[in-house]
Amino acid sequence: MRAHGLTGTLWVAQVRAMLDDLVPKAKAHAYALGLSLLFTLEVGPLLTALLLCGRVGGSYAGEVATLQATHQVSRQGVCALQGRSTAV
C-alpha cells in the first residue's frame, strides 16, 4: 500500500513523526500509513456530508429568497395557501 498524491504523503509524514517515539522504526511507516488511511476514510465522508448539506441549505435559502423577492409568497395567500409555512 502506498500513499496517493501529495496529501497522502504529507499525512504519512506527520503521523510517522508522531509515532517515531512510540513505535520501532521498522513498524513506524506501516503504522503511519494505516493511521493516515483510516483518518482519511473516516473524515472524508464527514467533510463530504458537510459540504453537501451546505449546498442543499444554500439552495433552499435561495429558493425562499427568490419567492419573497418576486412576491410569490404573498400571492399564495390569495390562493388560500399559508404563504410562509408553504415556502419554508
C-alpha atoms as a PDB file:
ATOM      1  CA  MET A   1       0.000   0.000   0.000  1.00  0.00           C
ATOM      2  CA  ARG A   2       1.285   3.423  -0.901  1.00  0.00           C
ATOM      3  CA  ALA A   3       0.087   6.915  -0.097  1.00  0.00           C
ATOM      4  CA  HIS A   4      -1.641   8.527  -3.029  1.00  0.00           C
ATOM      5  CA  GLY A   5      -0.614  12.008  -4.044  1.00  0.00           C
ATOM      6  CA  LEU A   6       0.981  14.817  -2.108  1.00  0.00           C
ATOM      7  CA  THR A   7      -1.746  14.964   0.554  1.00  0.00           C
ATOM      8  CA  GLY A   8      -1.371  11.302   1.427  1.00  0.00           C
ATOM      9  CA  THR A   9       2.400  11.667   1.626  1.00  0.00           C
ATOM     10  CA  LEU A  10       2.074  14.626   3.980  1.00  0.00           C
ATOM     11  CA  TRP A  11      -0.329  12.731   6.241  1.00  0.00           C
ATOM     12  CA  VAL A  12       2.038   9.774   6.397  1.00  0.00           C
ATOM     13  CA  ALA A  13       4.981  12.051   7.223  1.00  0.00           C
ATOM     14  CA  GLN A  14       3.100  13.816  10.027  1.00  0.00           C
ATOM     15  CA  VAL A  15       1.769  10.621  11.578  1.00  0.00           C
ATOM     16  CA  ARG A  16       5.152   8.948  11.264  1.00  0.00           C
ATOM     17  CA  ALA A  17       6.818  11.862  13.064  1.00  0.00           C
ATOM     18  CA  MET A  18       4.364  11.413  15.950  1.00  0.00           C
ATOM     19  CA  LEU A  19       4.915   7.644  16.053  1.00  0.00           C
ATOM     20  CA  ASP A  20       8.723   7.699  15.949  1.00  0.00           C
ATOM     21  CA  ASP A  21       8.958   7.939  19.743  1.00  0.00           C
ATOM     22  CA  LEU A  22       6.382   5.240  20.428  1.00  0.00           C
ATOM     23  CA  VAL A  23       6.973   2.546  17.814  1.00  0.00           C
ATOM     24  CA  PRO A  24      10.118   0.858  16.498  1.00  0.00           C
ATOM     25  CA  LYS A  25      11.457   2.406  13.309  1.00  0.00           C
ATOM     26  CA  ALA A  26      10.678  -0.688  11.232  1.00  0.00           C
ATOM     27  CA  LYS A  27       6.969  -0.519  12.018  1.00  0.00           C
ATOM     28  CA  ALA A  28       6.581   3.278  12.081  1.00  0.00           C
ATOM     29  CA  HIS A  29       5.942   3.636   8.342  1.00  0.00           C
ATOM     30  CA  ALA A  30       3.342   0.841   8.286  1.00  0.00           C
ATOM     31  CA  TYR A  31       1.527   2.319  11.293  1.00  0.00           C
ATOM     32  CA  ALA A  32       1.686   5.812   9.837  1.00  0.00           C
ATOM     33  CA  LEU A  33       0.286   4.622   6.527  1.00  0.00           C
ATOM     34  CA  GLY A  34      -2.508   2.710   8.253  1.00  0.00           C
ATOM     35  CA  LEU A  35      -3.459   5.574  10.557  1.00  0.00           C
ATOM     36  CA  SER A  36      -3.453   8.137   7.751  1.00  0.00           C
ATOM     37  CA  LEU A  37      -5.607   5.843   5.622  1.00  0.00           C
ATOM     38  CA  LEU A  38      -8.085   5.312   8.467  1.00  0.00           C
ATOM     39  CA  PHE A  39      -8.210   9.037   9.193  1.00  0.00           C
ATOM     40  CA  THR A  40      -8.904   9.792   5.526  1.00  0.00           C
ATOM     41  CA  LEU A  41     -11.598   7.115   5.353  1.00  0.00           C
ATOM     42  CA  GLU A  42     -13.323   8.441   8.483  1.00  0.00           C
ATOM     43  CA  VAL A  43     -13.073  12.177   7.881  1.00  0.00           C
ATOM     44  CA  GLY A  44     -13.616  12.130   4.094  1.00  0.00           C
ATOM     45  CA  PRO A  45     -17.309  11.156   4.206  1.00  0.00           C
ATOM     46  CA  LEU A  46     -17.916  13.586   7.064  1.00  0.00           C
ATOM     47  CA  LEU A  47     -16.495  16.519   5.099  1.00  0.00           C
ATOM     48  CA  THR A  48     -18.418  15.431   2.017  1.00  0.00           C
ATOM     49  CA  ALA A  49     -21.664  15.361   4.011  1.00  0.00           C
ATOM     50  CA  LEU A  50     -20.993  18.809   5.472  1.00  0.00           C
ATOM     51  CA  LEU A  51     -20.303  20.282   2.051  1.00  0.00           C
ATOM     52  CA  LEU A  52     -23.420  18.654   0.628  1.00  0.00           C
ATOM     53  CA  CYS A  53     -25.573  19.974   3.491  1.00  0.00           C
ATOM     54  CA  GLY A  54     -24.211  23.462   2.899  1.00  0.00           C
ATOM     55  CA  ARG A  55     -25.037  23.330  -0.788  1.00  0.00           C
ATOM     56  CA  VAL A  56     -28.563  21.982  -0.206  1.00  0.00           C
ATOM     57  CA  GLY A  57     -29.247  24.538   2.533  1.00  0.00           C
ATOM     58  CA  GLY A  58     -27.998  27.334   0.308  1.00  0.00           C
ATOM     59  CA  SER A  59     -30.242  26.114  -2.485  1.00  0.00           C
ATOM     60  CA  TYR A  60     -33.304  26.171  -0.214  1.00  0.00           C
ATOM     61  CA  ALA A  61     -32.402  29.615   1.101  1.00  0.00           C
ATOM     62  CA  GLY A  62     -32.010  30.907  -2.449  1.00  0.00           C
ATOM     63  CA  GLU A  63     -35.379  29.465  -3.442  1.00  0.00           C
ATOM     64  CA  VAL A  64     -37.158  31.108  -0.487  1.00  0.00           C
ATOM     65  CA  ALA A  65     -35.399  34.403  -1.180  1.00  0.00           C
ATOM     66  CA  THR A  66     -36.491  34.248  -4.818  1.00  0.00           C
ATOM     67  CA  LEU A  67     -40.089  33.566  -3.765  1.00  0.00           C
ATOM     68  CA  GLN A  68     -40.044  36.568  -1.460  1.00  0.00           C
ATOM     69  CA  ALA A  69     -38.322  38.825  -3.993  1.00  0.00           C
ATOM     70  CA  THR A  70     -40.909  38.063  -6.670  1.00  0.00           C
ATOM     71  CA  HIS A  71     -43.808  38.347  -4.169  1.00  0.00           C
ATOM     72  CA  GLN A  72     -44.911  34.770  -4.755  1.00  0.00           C
ATOM     73  CA  VAL A  73     -45.283  34.205  -1.026  1.00  0.00           C
ATOM     74  CA  SER A  74     -47.967  36.907  -0.786  1.00  0.00           C
ATOM     75  CA  ARG A  75     -49.666  35.567  -3.924  1.00  0.00           C
ATOM     76  CA  GLN A  76     -50.059  32.168  -2.271  1.00  0.00           C
ATOM     77  CA  GLY A  77     -52.274  33.845   0.343  1.00  0.00           C
ATOM     78  CA  VAL A  78     -54.694  34.815  -2.420  1.00  0.00           C
ATOM     79  CA  CYS A  79     -54.959  31.130  -3.384  1.00  0.00           C
ATOM     80  CA  ALA A  80     -55.884  30.270   0.264  1.00  0.00           C
ATOM     81  CA  LEU A  81     -52.445  28.735   0.963  1.00  0.00           C
ATOM     82  CA  GLN A  82     -50.443  29.613   4.030  1.00  0.00           C
ATOM     83  CA  GLY A  83     -47.582  31.518   2.440  1.00  0.00           C
ATOM     84  CA  ARG A  84     -44.750  31.297   4.962  1.00  0.00           C
ATOM     85  CA  SER A  85     -45.258  27.707   6.048  1.00  0.00           C
ATOM     86  CA  THR A  86     -45.561  26.520   2.445  1.00  0.00           C
ATOM     87  CA  ALA A  87     -42.410  28.301   1.296  1.00  0.00           C
ATOM     88  CA  VAL A  88     -40.260  27.176   4.195  1.00  0.00           C
END
